[in-house]
Amino acid sequence: MTYKIASVLCFISMTLLFIGPSFASFQAQELKEIKLPNPQLEGGRPLMQALKDRQSSREFSTEKLPLQVLSNLLWAADGVNRPDSKKRTAPSAVNWQNIDIYVALAEGLYLYDPLEHSLKPVLGEDIRAMTGKQDFVKDVPLNLIYVADFSKITRGTEEDKNFYSAAHTGFISQNVYLYCASEGLATVVRGMVDRETLAKAMKLRPEQKVIFAQSVGYPKK
């Protein structure tokens, strides 16, 4: 009897050992594409008022952002505002459009697709805590990760690519700041990021580089 129990336990252990990675992979595959609703282009505070109210905040509520708010925010950040030319709300040198916006939510990591205005699944894991070195980032409902794709910059030195990527990220993050100021949301751009560790977790290619991260949420009450 003891031998039979030991055999069963051994069989269960070996089964779990083999199905563990497959189960984790299955969980990651369960993350589905999110088609965002059309952005609301009406309303919001006047530009001068938004500029007056623009600020950084490191205190956030844990309340999730509605899908419509996420849609509006990402369109404001770097969405397509001229469908005929596919150009964006943020300027880009030579129209390289080399900054990808990754969206870290509690349920997983997505990539914003401006052309389809949707979120493409990347990882079925909560990596918010890895998007910065500050304690608050793990509980913020939304962390944006700005990733430069150097393969899209077709000329120039490595220094040039870093320079343009930083400038492009600045344009996008300021759009986010202004949207947040207009809608009463809290936000902060963060440079304190372990870029190498985060890039590995995100499975980025060698020509991709994490530039900054930006947290967004409702103000802490």
N, C-alpha and C. Protein backbone atom coordinates (compact mmCIF):
# COMPACT_ATOMS: atom_id res chain seq x y z
N MET A 1 0.84 -1.21 0.00
CA MET A 1 0.00 0.00 0.00
C MET A 1 0.87 1.25 0.00
N THR A 2 1.91 1.24 0.86
CA THR A 2 2.81 2.40 0.94
C THR A 2 3.51 2.61 -0.39
N TYR A 3 3.89 1.48 -1.03
CA TYR A 3 4.57 1.57 -2.32
C TYR A 3 3.64 2.18 -3.37
N LYS A 4 2.35 1.77 -3.36
CA LYS A 4 1.39 2.30 -4.33
C LYS A 4 1.17 3.79 -4.14
N ILE A 5 1.07 4.24 -2.87
CA ILE A 5 0.87 5.66 -2.60
C ILE A 5 2.07 6.47 -3.09
N ALA A 6 3.26 5.93 -2.82
CA ALA A 6 4.48 6.61 -3.25
C ALA A 6 4.53 6.71 -4.77
N SER A 7 4.07 5.67 -5.46
CA SER A 7 4.08 5.66 -6.92
C SER A 7 3.12 6.71 -7.47
N VAL A 8 1.93 6.79 -6.83
CA VAL A 8 0.93 7.77 -7.27
C VAL A 8 1.46 9.18 -7.08
N LEU A 9 2.05 9.45 -5.90
CA LEU A 9 2.60 10.77 -5.62
C LEU A 9 3.71 11.13 -6.59
N CYS A 10 4.54 10.14 -6.92
CA CYS A 10 5.62 10.38 -7.88
C CYS A 10 5.05 10.72 -9.25
N PHE A 11 3.98 9.98 -9.65
CA PHE A 11 3.35 10.23 -10.94
C PHE A 11 2.75 11.64 -11.00
N ILE A 12 2.08 12.06 -9.90
CA ILE A 12 1.48 13.39 -9.85
C ILE A 12 2.55 14.47 -9.94
N SER A 13 3.66 14.26 -9.22
CA SER A 13 4.76 15.24 -9.23
C SER A 13 5.34 15.39 -10.62
N MET A 14 5.57 14.26 -11.30
CA MET A 14 6.14 14.30 -12.64
C MET A 14 5.17 14.96 -13.62
N THR A 15 3.87 14.68 -13.44
CA THR A 15 2.86 15.28 -14.33
C THR A 15 2.84 16.78 -14.18
N LEU A 16 2.87 17.26 -12.92
CA LEU A 16 2.87 18.70 -12.67
C LEU A 16 4.12 19.35 -13.23
N LEU A 17 5.24 18.62 -13.14
CA LEU A 17 6.50 19.15 -13.64
C LEU A 17 6.42 19.41 -15.13
N PHE A 18 5.77 18.50 -15.86
CA PHE A 18 5.70 18.63 -17.31
C PHE A 18 4.62 19.60 -17.77
N ILE A 19 3.49 19.63 -17.05
CA ILE A 19 2.41 20.50 -17.51
C ILE A 19 2.54 21.92 -16.99
N GLY A 20 3.42 22.13 -15.99
CA GLY A 20 3.57 23.47 -15.42
C GLY A 20 3.87 24.52 -16.46
N PRO A 21 4.96 24.38 -17.25
CA PRO A 21 5.27 25.38 -18.27
C PRO A 21 4.16 25.52 -19.31
N SER A 22 3.53 24.39 -19.69
CA SER A 22 2.46 24.45 -20.67
C SER A 22 1.27 25.22 -20.13
N PHE A 23 0.97 25.01 -18.84
CA PHE A 23 -0.15 25.72 -18.22
C PHE A 23 0.12 27.22 -18.18
N ALA A 24 1.37 27.59 -17.84
CA ALA A 24 1.74 29.01 -17.80
C ALA A 24 1.62 29.61 -19.19
N SER A 25 2.04 28.83 -20.21
CA SER A 25 1.93 29.31 -21.58
C SER A 25 0.47 29.48 -21.96
N PHE A 26 -0.36 28.53 -21.51
CA PHE A 26 -1.80 28.62 -21.80
C PHE A 26 -2.40 29.87 -21.18
N GLN A 27 -1.97 30.18 -19.93
CA GLN A 27 -2.47 31.37 -19.27
C GLN A 27 -2.10 32.62 -20.05
N ALA A 28 -0.86 32.68 -20.55
CA ALA A 28 -0.41 33.84 -21.31
C ALA A 28 -1.22 33.97 -22.60
N GLN A 29 -1.55 32.81 -23.21
CA GLN A 29 -2.30 32.85 -24.45
C GLN A 29 -3.74 33.32 -24.22
N GLU A 30 -4.21 33.21 -22.99
CA GLU A 30 -5.58 33.61 -22.70
C GLU A 30 -5.79 35.12 -22.80
N LEU A 31 -4.70 35.89 -22.77
CA LEU A 31 -4.80 37.34 -22.91
C LEU A 31 -5.26 37.65 -24.33
N LYS A 32 -6.40 38.32 -24.44
CA LYS A 32 -7.00 38.58 -25.74
C LYS A 32 -6.75 40.01 -26.20
N GLU A 33 -6.79 40.21 -27.51
CA GLU A 33 -6.70 41.56 -28.05
C GLU A 33 -7.90 42.38 -27.57
N ILE A 34 -7.66 43.64 -27.24
CA ILE A 34 -8.72 44.54 -26.81
C ILE A 34 -8.92 45.60 -27.88
N LYS A 35 -10.10 45.57 -28.50
CA LYS A 35 -10.44 46.61 -29.47
C LYS A 35 -10.99 47.80 -28.69
N LEU A 36 -10.28 48.90 -28.73
CA LEU A 36 -10.67 50.06 -27.95
C LEU A 36 -11.84 50.78 -28.61
N PRO A 37 -12.75 51.35 -27.82
CA PRO A 37 -13.83 52.15 -28.40
C PRO A 37 -13.25 53.40 -29.07
N ASN A 38 -14.01 53.97 -29.97
CA ASN A 38 -13.55 55.20 -30.63
C ASN A 38 -13.28 56.28 -29.58
N PRO A 39 -12.19 57.03 -29.75
CA PRO A 39 -11.90 58.08 -28.77
C PRO A 39 -12.95 59.18 -28.81
N GLN A 40 -13.24 59.72 -27.65
CA GLN A 40 -14.17 60.84 -27.56
C GLN A 40 -13.40 62.13 -27.82
N LEU A 41 -13.73 62.81 -28.89
CA LEU A 41 -12.97 63.99 -29.31
C LEU A 41 -13.62 65.30 -28.87
N GLU A 42 -14.70 65.19 -28.15
CA GLU A 42 -15.37 66.38 -27.65
C GLU A 42 -15.20 66.46 -26.13
N GLY A 43 -15.33 67.65 -25.58
CA GLY A 43 -15.26 67.81 -24.13
C GLY A 43 -13.85 68.03 -23.64
N GLY A 44 -13.67 67.94 -22.34
CA GLY A 44 -12.37 68.20 -21.74
C GLY A 44 -12.17 69.67 -21.46
N ARG A 45 -11.18 69.99 -20.67
CA ARG A 45 -10.90 71.38 -20.33
C ARG A 45 -10.20 72.08 -21.50
N PRO A 46 -10.33 73.39 -21.61
CA PRO A 46 -9.60 74.14 -22.63
C PRO A 46 -8.09 73.95 -22.46
N LEU A 47 -7.36 74.06 -23.56
CA LEU A 47 -5.92 73.83 -23.55
C LEU A 47 -5.20 74.67 -22.51
N MET A 48 -5.49 75.94 -22.42
CA MET A 48 -4.78 76.81 -21.49
C MET A 48 -5.04 76.40 -20.04
N GLN A 49 -6.25 75.91 -19.76
CA GLN A 49 -6.55 75.43 -18.41
C GLN A 49 -5.78 74.14 -18.12
N ALA A 50 -5.70 73.27 -19.13
CA ALA A 50 -4.95 72.02 -18.96
C ALA A 50 -3.47 72.31 -18.71
N LEU A 51 -2.91 73.27 -19.42
CA LEU A 51 -1.52 73.65 -19.20
C LEU A 51 -1.32 74.21 -17.79
N LYS A 52 -2.30 74.96 -17.33
CA LYS A 52 -2.23 75.53 -15.98
C LYS A 52 -2.26 74.42 -14.93
N ASP A 53 -3.04 73.37 -15.18
CA ASP A 53 -3.21 72.30 -14.19
C ASP A 53 -2.22 71.15 -14.35
N ARG A 54 -1.41 71.17 -15.41
CA ARG A 54 -0.47 70.07 -15.65
C ARG A 54 0.53 69.95 -14.52
N GLN A 55 0.69 68.73 -13.99
CA GLN A 55 1.64 68.49 -12.90
C GLN A 55 1.94 67.00 -12.78
N SER A 56 2.99 66.68 -12.04
CA SER A 56 3.33 65.29 -11.75
C SER A 56 2.77 64.91 -10.38
N SER A 57 2.32 63.68 -10.27
CA SER A 57 1.81 63.18 -8.99
C SER A 57 2.28 61.74 -8.80
N ARG A 58 2.65 61.41 -7.58
CA ARG A 58 3.10 60.05 -7.26
C ARG A 58 2.16 59.37 -6.27
N GLU A 59 0.96 59.90 -6.15
CA GLU A 59 -0.05 59.29 -5.28
C GLU A 59 -1.28 58.96 -6.12
N PHE A 60 -1.63 57.68 -6.14
CA PHE A 60 -2.69 57.20 -7.02
C PHE A 60 -3.69 56.35 -6.27
N SER A 61 -4.92 56.41 -6.74
CA SER A 61 -5.94 55.45 -6.32
C SER A 61 -5.68 54.14 -7.06
N THR A 62 -6.14 53.03 -6.50
CA THR A 62 -5.99 51.74 -7.17
C THR A 62 -7.18 51.45 -8.09
N GLU A 63 -8.13 52.40 -8.19
CA GLU A 63 -9.31 52.21 -9.03
C GLU A 63 -8.90 52.07 -10.50
N LYS A 64 -9.47 51.08 -11.15
CA LYS A 64 -9.15 50.84 -12.56
C LYS A 64 -9.71 51.95 -13.45
N LEU A 65 -9.02 52.18 -14.56
CA LEU A 65 -9.50 53.16 -15.54
C LEU A 65 -10.51 52.49 -16.47
N PRO A 66 -11.65 53.12 -16.73
CA PRO A 66 -12.59 52.57 -17.70
C PRO A 66 -11.96 52.45 -19.08
N LEU A 67 -12.48 51.53 -19.87
CA LEU A 67 -11.93 51.30 -21.20
C LEU A 67 -12.02 52.55 -22.07
N GLN A 68 -13.07 53.33 -21.92
CA GLN A 68 -13.20 54.55 -22.70
C GLN A 68 -12.12 55.56 -22.35
N VAL A 69 -11.81 55.68 -21.06
CA VAL A 69 -10.74 56.58 -20.64
C VAL A 69 -9.40 56.11 -21.20
N LEU A 70 -9.16 54.81 -21.16
CA LEU A 70 -7.93 54.25 -21.72
C LEU A 70 -7.84 54.53 -23.22
N SER A 71 -8.96 54.40 -23.89
CA SER A 71 -9.01 54.69 -25.33
C SER A 71 -8.66 56.15 -25.60
N ASN A 72 -9.30 57.04 -24.88
CA ASN A 72 -9.05 58.47 -25.07
C ASN A 72 -7.60 58.83 -24.79
N LEU A 73 -7.06 58.26 -23.71
CA LEU A 73 -5.70 58.57 -23.29
C LEU A 73 -4.67 58.12 -24.33
N LEU A 74 -4.82 56.90 -24.82
CA LEU A 74 -3.85 56.37 -25.77
C LEU A 74 -3.95 57.10 -27.11
N TRP A 75 -5.17 57.48 -27.51
CA TRP A 75 -5.29 58.25 -28.74
C TRP A 75 -4.62 59.61 -28.57
N ALA A 76 -4.84 60.25 -27.41
CA ALA A 76 -4.19 61.53 -27.14
C ALA A 76 -2.67 61.38 -27.14
N ALA A 77 -2.19 60.26 -26.62
CA ALA A 77 -0.74 60.04 -26.51
C ALA A 77 -0.07 59.99 -27.88
N ASP A 78 -0.56 59.11 -28.75
CA ASP A 78 0.08 58.95 -30.06
C ASP A 78 -0.85 58.26 -31.04
N GLY A 79 -2.13 58.63 -30.99
CA GLY A 79 -3.09 58.02 -31.90
C GLY A 79 -3.06 58.65 -33.27
N VAL A 80 -3.73 58.03 -34.21
CA VAL A 80 -3.80 58.54 -35.59
C VAL A 80 -4.85 59.64 -35.64
N ASN A 81 -4.41 60.86 -35.94
CA ASN A 81 -5.35 61.99 -36.04
C ASN A 81 -5.58 62.45 -37.48
N ARG A 82 -4.84 61.85 -38.42
CA ARG A 82 -5.01 62.13 -39.84
C ARG A 82 -5.02 60.80 -40.60
N PRO A 83 -6.19 60.16 -40.67
CA PRO A 83 -6.27 58.80 -41.23
C PRO A 83 -5.70 58.68 -42.64
N ASP A 84 -5.83 59.71 -43.45
CA ASP A 84 -5.35 59.61 -44.83
C ASP A 84 -3.85 59.38 -44.90
N SER A 85 -3.10 60.04 -44.02
CA SER A 85 -1.64 59.90 -44.02
C SER A 85 -1.14 59.01 -42.90
N LYS A 86 -2.05 58.61 -41.99
CA LYS A 86 -1.72 57.76 -40.83
C LYS A 86 -0.76 58.46 -39.87
N LYS A 87 -0.76 59.78 -39.90
CA LYS A 87 0.10 60.53 -38.99
C LYS A 87 -0.57 60.69 -37.64
N ARG A 88 0.24 61.03 -36.63
CA ARG A 88 -0.18 60.89 -35.24
C ARG A 88 -0.38 62.22 -34.53
N THR A 89 -0.87 62.12 -33.31
CA THR A 89 -1.05 63.30 -32.46
C THR A 89 0.27 63.84 -31.95
N ALA A 90 1.32 63.01 -31.93
CA ALA A 90 2.65 63.44 -31.48
C ALA A 90 3.58 63.55 -32.69
N PRO A 91 4.39 64.62 -32.77
CA PRO A 91 5.31 64.76 -33.90
C PRO A 91 6.41 63.70 -33.86
N SER A 92 6.92 63.39 -35.04
CA SER A 92 7.99 62.39 -35.15
C SER A 92 8.92 62.80 -36.29
N ALA A 93 10.21 62.91 -36.01
CA ALA A 93 11.18 63.30 -37.03
C ALA A 93 11.15 62.31 -38.19
N VAL A 94 11.12 62.86 -39.41
CA VAL A 94 11.10 62.05 -40.64
C VAL A 94 9.92 61.08 -40.63
N ASN A 95 8.96 61.32 -39.76
CA ASN A 95 7.80 60.43 -39.60
C ASN A 95 8.24 58.99 -39.31
N TRP A 96 9.34 58.85 -38.55
CA TRP A 96 9.83 57.51 -38.22
C TRP A 96 8.86 56.75 -37.33
N GLN A 97 8.16 57.47 -36.45
CA GLN A 97 7.20 56.83 -35.54
C GLN A 97 7.81 55.59 -34.89
N ASN A 98 8.94 55.80 -34.25
CA ASN A 98 9.69 54.66 -33.72
C ASN A 98 9.43 54.35 -32.25
N ILE A 99 8.49 55.07 -31.62
CA ILE A 99 8.18 54.79 -30.22
C ILE A 99 6.93 53.92 -30.12
N ASP A 100 7.08 52.77 -29.50
CA ASP A 100 5.95 51.89 -29.21
C ASP A 100 5.50 52.11 -27.77
N ILE A 101 4.20 52.13 -27.57
CA ILE A 101 3.66 52.30 -26.21
C ILE A 101 3.17 50.94 -25.72
N TYR A 102 3.85 50.42 -24.71
CA TYR A 102 3.41 49.19 -24.06
C TYR A 102 2.55 49.57 -22.85
N VAL A 103 1.50 48.82 -22.64
CA VAL A 103 0.49 49.13 -21.62
C VAL A 103 0.49 48.02 -20.58
N ALA A 104 0.99 48.34 -19.38
CA ALA A 104 1.06 47.35 -18.30
C ALA A 104 -0.15 47.53 -17.38
N LEU A 105 -1.02 46.52 -17.38
CA LEU A 105 -2.21 46.49 -16.54
C LEU A 105 -2.12 45.32 -15.57
N ALA A 106 -3.04 45.25 -14.63
CA ALA A 106 -3.02 44.16 -13.66
C ALA A 106 -3.14 42.80 -14.36
N GLU A 107 -3.92 42.75 -15.44
CA GLU A 107 -4.15 41.47 -16.11
C GLU A 107 -3.06 41.07 -17.09
N GLY A 108 -2.17 42.00 -17.43
CA GLY A 108 -1.10 41.64 -18.33
C GLY A 108 -0.52 42.82 -19.08
N LEU A 109 0.36 42.51 -20.02
CA LEU A 109 1.06 43.53 -20.81
C LEU A 109 0.53 43.52 -22.24
N TYR A 110 0.24 44.72 -22.74
CA TYR A 110 -0.27 44.89 -24.10
C TYR A 110 0.61 45.88 -24.86
N LEU A 111 0.47 45.84 -26.19
CA LEU A 111 1.11 46.81 -27.07
C LEU A 111 0.02 47.61 -27.77
N TYR A 112 0.10 48.93 -27.66
CA TYR A 112 -0.90 49.78 -28.32
C TYR A 112 -0.64 49.83 -29.81
N ASP A 113 -1.65 49.53 -30.59
CA ASP A 113 -1.59 49.61 -32.04
C ASP A 113 -2.38 50.84 -32.48
N PRO A 114 -1.70 51.94 -32.83
CA PRO A 114 -2.41 53.17 -33.20
C PRO A 114 -3.26 53.04 -34.46
N LEU A 115 -2.80 52.25 -35.41
CA LEU A 115 -3.52 52.13 -36.68
C LEU A 115 -4.86 51.43 -36.50
N GLU A 116 -4.89 50.43 -35.65
CA GLU A 116 -6.15 49.71 -35.38
C GLU A 116 -6.83 50.21 -34.12
N HIS A 117 -6.16 51.09 -33.40
CA HIS A 117 -6.64 51.59 -32.11
C HIS A 117 -7.08 50.41 -31.23
N SER A 118 -6.12 49.55 -30.97
CA SER A 118 -6.39 48.36 -30.17
C SER A 118 -5.17 48.01 -29.34
N LEU A 119 -5.36 47.11 -28.39
CA LEU A 119 -4.28 46.63 -27.54
C LEU A 119 -3.96 45.19 -27.92
N LYS A 120 -2.73 44.96 -28.36
CA LYS A 120 -2.30 43.63 -28.74
C LYS A 120 -1.69 42.91 -27.53
N PRO A 121 -2.11 41.69 -27.24
CA PRO A 121 -1.56 40.98 -26.08
C PRO A 121 -0.08 40.65 -26.24
N VAL A 122 0.67 40.84 -25.18
CA VAL A 122 2.11 40.54 -25.18
C VAL A 122 2.44 39.49 -24.12
N LEU A 123 2.07 39.77 -22.87
CA LEU A 123 2.35 38.84 -21.77
C LEU A 123 1.14 38.75 -20.85
N GLY A 124 0.76 37.56 -20.48
CA GLY A 124 -0.32 37.37 -19.54
C GLY A 124 0.17 37.40 -18.11
N GLU A 125 0.98 38.40 -17.77
CA GLU A 125 1.54 38.54 -16.43
C GLU A 125 1.42 39.99 -15.99
N ASP A 126 1.33 40.18 -14.69
CA ASP A 126 1.32 41.52 -14.12
C ASP A 126 2.76 41.94 -13.86
N ILE A 127 3.30 42.81 -14.70
CA ILE A 127 4.70 43.23 -14.55
C ILE A 127 4.79 44.68 -14.08
N ARG A 128 3.69 45.22 -13.54
CA ARG A 128 3.70 46.62 -13.14
C ARG A 128 4.84 46.94 -12.16
N ALA A 129 5.11 46.03 -11.24
CA ALA A 129 6.17 46.27 -10.25
C ALA A 129 7.54 46.40 -10.90
N MET A 130 7.70 45.86 -12.11
CA MET A 130 8.99 45.90 -12.80
C MET A 130 9.16 47.16 -13.64
N THR A 131 8.12 47.98 -13.71
CA THR A 131 8.19 49.16 -14.59
C THR A 131 8.85 50.36 -13.91
N GLY A 132 9.32 50.20 -12.68
CA GLY A 132 9.99 51.30 -11.99
C GLY A 132 10.52 50.85 -10.65
N LYS A 133 11.35 51.69 -10.05
CA LYS A 133 11.98 51.36 -8.77
C LYS A 133 11.22 51.91 -7.57
N GLN A 134 10.19 52.72 -7.83
CA GLN A 134 9.39 53.26 -6.73
C GLN A 134 8.33 52.25 -6.32
N ASP A 135 7.98 52.26 -5.04
CA ASP A 135 7.02 51.28 -4.51
C ASP A 135 5.63 51.43 -5.13
N PHE A 136 5.24 52.66 -5.44
CA PHE A 136 3.85 52.88 -5.87
C PHE A 136 3.52 52.27 -7.22
N VAL A 137 4.53 51.98 -8.05
CA VAL A 137 4.25 51.56 -9.42
C VAL A 137 3.53 50.22 -9.49
N LYS A 138 3.71 49.38 -8.47
CA LYS A 138 3.10 48.06 -8.52
C LYS A 138 1.59 48.09 -8.35
N ASP A 139 1.06 49.18 -7.78
CA ASP A 139 -0.38 49.28 -7.53
C ASP A 139 -1.09 50.26 -8.44
N VAL A 140 -0.35 51.04 -9.23
CA VAL A 140 -0.96 51.99 -10.15
C VAL A 140 -1.74 51.19 -11.21
N PRO A 141 -2.98 51.58 -11.52
CA PRO A 141 -3.76 50.78 -12.48
C PRO A 141 -3.16 50.72 -13.88
N LEU A 142 -2.39 51.74 -14.26
CA LEU A 142 -1.83 51.79 -15.62
C LEU A 142 -0.40 52.32 -15.59
N ASN A 143 0.50 51.55 -16.17
CA ASN A 143 1.87 52.01 -16.39
C ASN A 143 2.17 51.89 -17.88
N LEU A 144 2.49 53.02 -18.48
CA LEU A 144 2.88 53.04 -19.89
C LEU A 144 4.40 52.89 -19.96
N ILE A 145 4.86 52.09 -20.90
CA ILE A 145 6.30 51.89 -21.11
C ILE A 145 6.62 52.34 -22.53
N TYR A 146 7.48 53.33 -22.65
CA TYR A 146 7.84 53.86 -23.96
C TYR A 146 9.11 53.16 -24.46
N VAL A 147 8.95 52.44 -25.56
CA VAL A 147 10.04 51.63 -26.10
C VAL A 147 10.42 52.14 -27.49
N ALA A 148 11.69 52.47 -27.66
CA ALA A 148 12.18 52.93 -28.96
C ALA A 148 12.60 51.73 -29.80
N ASP A 149 12.20 51.74 -31.05
CA ASP A 149 12.62 50.71 -32.00
C ASP A 149 13.63 51.36 -32.95
N PHE A 150 14.90 51.10 -32.69
CA PHE A 150 15.97 51.73 -33.47
C PHE A 150 15.97 51.28 -34.92
N SER A 151 15.37 50.13 -35.21
CA SER A 151 15.35 49.64 -36.59
C SER A 151 14.50 50.53 -37.50
N LYS A 152 13.62 51.35 -36.89
CA LYS A 152 12.77 52.24 -37.68
C LYS A 152 13.46 53.56 -38.03
N ILE A 153 14.59 53.83 -37.37
CA ILE A 153 15.36 55.05 -37.68
C ILE A 153 16.41 54.65 -38.70
N THR A 154 16.23 55.09 -39.91
CA THR A 154 16.99 54.54 -41.04
C THR A 154 18.33 55.21 -41.31
N ARG A 155 18.66 56.24 -40.53
CA ARG A 155 19.97 56.86 -40.73
C ARG A 155 20.42 57.51 -39.41
N GLY A 156 21.72 57.85 -39.37
CA GLY A 156 22.24 58.50 -38.19
C GLY A 156 23.03 57.56 -37.30
N THR A 157 23.73 58.15 -36.34
CA THR A 157 24.55 57.39 -35.40
C THR A 157 23.69 56.87 -34.25
N GLU A 158 24.31 56.09 -33.39
CA GLU A 158 23.62 55.60 -32.19
C GLU A 158 23.20 56.77 -31.31
N GLU A 159 24.04 57.79 -31.24
CA GLU A 159 23.70 58.99 -30.47
C GLU A 159 22.48 59.69 -31.06
N ASP A 160 22.42 59.75 -32.40
CA ASP A 160 21.26 60.35 -33.06
C ASP A 160 19.98 59.59 -32.72
N LYS A 161 20.07 58.28 -32.73
CA LYS A 161 18.90 57.45 -32.45
C LYS A 161 18.41 57.65 -31.02
N ASN A 162 19.35 57.74 -30.10
CA ASN A 162 18.98 58.01 -28.71
C ASN A 162 18.35 59.40 -28.57
N PHE A 163 18.92 60.37 -29.26
CA PHE A 163 18.43 61.75 -29.18
C PHE A 163 16.99 61.85 -29.70
N TYR A 164 16.75 61.31 -30.90
CA TYR A 164 15.41 61.40 -31.48
C TYR A 164 14.40 60.58 -30.67
N SER A 165 14.82 59.45 -30.17
CA SER A 165 13.91 58.61 -29.38
C SER A 165 13.49 59.31 -28.09
N ALA A 166 14.44 60.00 -27.46
CA ALA A 166 14.12 60.74 -26.24
C ALA A 166 13.16 61.89 -26.54
N ALA A 167 13.40 62.58 -27.67
CA ALA A 167 12.53 63.69 -28.05
C ALA A 167 11.12 63.19 -28.37
N HIS A 168 11.02 62.10 -29.12
CA HIS A 168 9.72 61.55 -29.47
C HIS A 168 8.95 61.11 -28.22
N THR A 169 9.66 60.50 -27.29
CA THR A 169 9.02 60.08 -26.04
C THR A 169 8.52 61.29 -25.26
N GLY A 170 9.29 62.36 -25.28
CA GLY A 170 8.87 63.59 -24.60
C GLY A 170 7.59 64.14 -25.17
N PHE A 171 7.45 64.12 -26.50
CA PHE A 171 6.22 64.61 -27.13
C PHE A 171 5.02 63.78 -26.69
N ILE A 172 5.18 62.46 -26.72
CA ILE A 172 4.08 61.56 -26.38
C ILE A 172 3.69 61.69 -24.91
N SER A 173 4.69 61.70 -24.04
CA SER A 173 4.39 61.78 -22.61
C SER A 173 3.75 63.11 -22.24
N GLN A 174 4.11 64.18 -22.94
CA GLN A 174 3.46 65.46 -22.67
C GLN A 174 2.00 65.43 -23.11
N ASN A 175 1.71 64.76 -24.21
CA ASN A 175 0.32 64.58 -24.61
C ASN A 175 -0.47 63.89 -23.50
N VAL A 176 0.15 62.88 -22.89
CA VAL A 176 -0.50 62.17 -21.79
C VAL A 176 -0.71 63.11 -20.60
N TYR A 177 0.30 63.91 -20.30
CA TYR A 177 0.18 64.89 -19.21
C TYR A 177 -1.02 65.82 -19.44
N LEU A 178 -1.14 66.33 -20.66
CA LEU A 178 -2.21 67.28 -20.95
C LEU A 178 -3.58 66.61 -20.90
N TYR A 179 -3.66 65.38 -21.40
CA TYR A 179 -4.94 64.67 -21.30
C TYR A 179 -5.31 64.46 -19.83
N CYS A 180 -4.34 64.05 -19.03
CA CYS A 180 -4.61 63.81 -17.61
C CYS A 180 -5.04 65.10 -16.91
N ALA A 181 -4.38 66.20 -17.24
CA ALA A 181 -4.76 67.49 -16.64
C ALA A 181 -6.18 67.87 -17.05
N SER A 182 -6.53 67.56 -18.29
CA SER A 182 -7.85 67.89 -18.79
C SER A 182 -8.94 67.06 -18.13
N GLU A 183 -8.60 65.81 -17.76
CA GLU A 183 -9.61 64.88 -17.25
C GLU A 183 -9.51 64.64 -15.74
N GLY A 184 -8.60 65.35 -15.06
CA GLY A 184 -8.49 65.19 -13.62
C GLY A 184 -7.82 63.91 -13.18
N LEU A 185 -6.93 63.37 -14.02
CA LEU A 185 -6.18 62.17 -13.69
C LEU A 185 -4.80 62.54 -13.15
N ALA A 186 -4.21 61.62 -12.41
CA ALA A 186 -2.85 61.80 -11.89
C ALA A 186 -1.87 61.06 -12.80
N THR A 187 -0.68 61.63 -12.98
CA THR A 187 0.32 60.99 -13.82
C THR A 187 1.71 61.47 -13.44
N VAL A 188 2.71 60.66 -13.79
CA VAL A 188 4.10 61.05 -13.60
C VAL A 188 4.97 60.24 -14.56
N VAL A 189 5.90 60.90 -15.23
CA VAL A 189 6.91 60.22 -16.05
C VAL A 189 8.05 59.78 -15.15
N ARG A 190 8.54 58.57 -15.38
CA ARG A 190 9.57 58.02 -14.50
C ARG A 190 10.79 57.53 -15.28
N GLY A 191 11.95 57.97 -14.81
CA GLY A 191 13.21 57.51 -15.40
C GLY A 191 13.89 56.46 -14.56
N MET A 192 13.43 56.28 -13.31
CA MET A 192 14.03 55.28 -12.42
C MET A 192 13.48 53.90 -12.77
N VAL A 193 14.06 53.31 -13.81
CA VAL A 193 13.61 52.02 -14.33
C VAL A 193 14.83 51.13 -14.53
N ASP A 194 14.73 49.88 -14.10
CA ASP A 194 15.77 48.90 -14.41
C ASP A 194 15.51 48.43 -15.84
N ARG A 195 16.07 49.15 -16.80
CA ARG A 195 15.73 48.94 -18.20
C ARG A 195 16.11 47.55 -18.71
N GLU A 196 17.25 47.07 -18.28
CA GLU A 196 17.71 45.76 -18.76
C GLU A 196 16.78 44.64 -18.27
N THR A 197 16.45 44.67 -16.99
CA THR A 197 15.56 43.64 -16.43
C THR A 197 14.18 43.72 -17.06
N LEU A 198 13.67 44.95 -17.21
CA LEU A 198 12.35 45.13 -17.79
C LEU A 198 12.32 44.67 -19.24
N ALA A 199 13.36 44.99 -19.99
CA ALA A 199 13.42 44.57 -21.40
C ALA A 199 13.39 43.05 -21.53
N LYS A 200 14.07 42.35 -20.63
CA LYS A 200 14.07 40.89 -20.66
C LYS A 200 12.68 40.35 -20.35
N ALA A 201 12.03 40.95 -19.35
CA ALA A 201 10.68 40.50 -18.98
C ALA A 201 9.70 40.72 -20.12
N MET A 202 9.90 41.81 -20.87
CA MET A 202 9.00 42.14 -21.99
C MET A 202 9.37 41.38 -23.26
N LYS A 203 10.51 40.68 -23.22
CA LYS A 203 11.01 39.92 -24.38
C LYS A 203 11.26 40.84 -25.58
N LEU A 204 11.88 41.98 -25.32
CA LEU A 204 12.18 42.92 -26.40
C LEU A 204 13.32 42.42 -27.26
N ARG A 205 13.33 42.86 -28.49
CA ARG A 205 14.42 42.53 -29.41
C ARG A 205 15.64 43.40 -29.09
N PRO A 206 16.84 43.00 -29.54
CA PRO A 206 18.04 43.78 -29.26
C PRO A 206 17.97 45.23 -29.74
N GLU A 207 17.23 45.47 -30.83
CA GLU A 207 17.15 46.84 -31.37
C GLU A 207 16.07 47.68 -30.69
N GLN A 208 15.40 47.11 -29.72
CA GLN A 208 14.41 47.85 -28.94
C GLN A 208 15.01 48.30 -27.61
N LYS A 209 14.65 49.50 -27.17
CA LYS A 209 15.24 50.07 -25.96
C LYS A 209 14.17 50.79 -25.14
N VAL A 210 14.08 50.45 -23.85
CA VAL A 210 13.15 51.14 -22.95
C VAL A 210 13.68 52.55 -22.70
N ILE A 211 12.85 53.56 -22.92
CA ILE A 211 13.26 54.95 -22.72
C ILE A 211 12.75 55.47 -21.37
N PHE A 212 11.45 55.52 -21.21
CA PHE A 212 10.84 55.99 -19.95
C PHE A 212 9.58 55.16 -19.68
N ALA A 213 9.05 55.33 -18.47
CA ALA A 213 7.74 54.78 -18.13
C ALA A 213 6.90 55.92 -17.59
N GLN A 214 5.58 55.74 -17.62
CA GLN A 214 4.68 56.79 -17.13
C GLN A 214 3.48 56.13 -16.45
N SER A 215 3.24 56.52 -15.22
CA SER A 215 2.11 55.98 -14.46
C SER A 215 0.90 56.89 -14.61
N VAL A 216 -0.28 56.27 -14.67
CA VAL A 216 -1.53 57.02 -14.82
C VAL A 216 -2.61 56.38 -13.95
N GLY A 217 -3.38 57.21 -13.29
CA GLY A 217 -4.49 56.70 -12.51
C GLY A 217 -5.31 57.85 -11.95
N TYR A 218 -6.34 57.51 -11.19
CA TYR A 218 -7.11 58.54 -10.51
C TYR A 218 -6.31 59.03 -9.31
N PRO A 219 -6.46 60.29 -8.92
CA PRO A 219 -5.76 60.80 -7.74
C PRO A 219 -6.16 60.02 -6.49
N LYS A 220 -5.23 59.86 -5.59
CA LYS A 220 -5.52 59.18 -4.32
C LYS A 220 -6.41 60.06 -3.47
N LYS A 221 -7.47 59.47 -2.92
CA LYS A 221 -8.43 60.24 -2.13
C LYS A 221 -8.01 60.26 -0.66
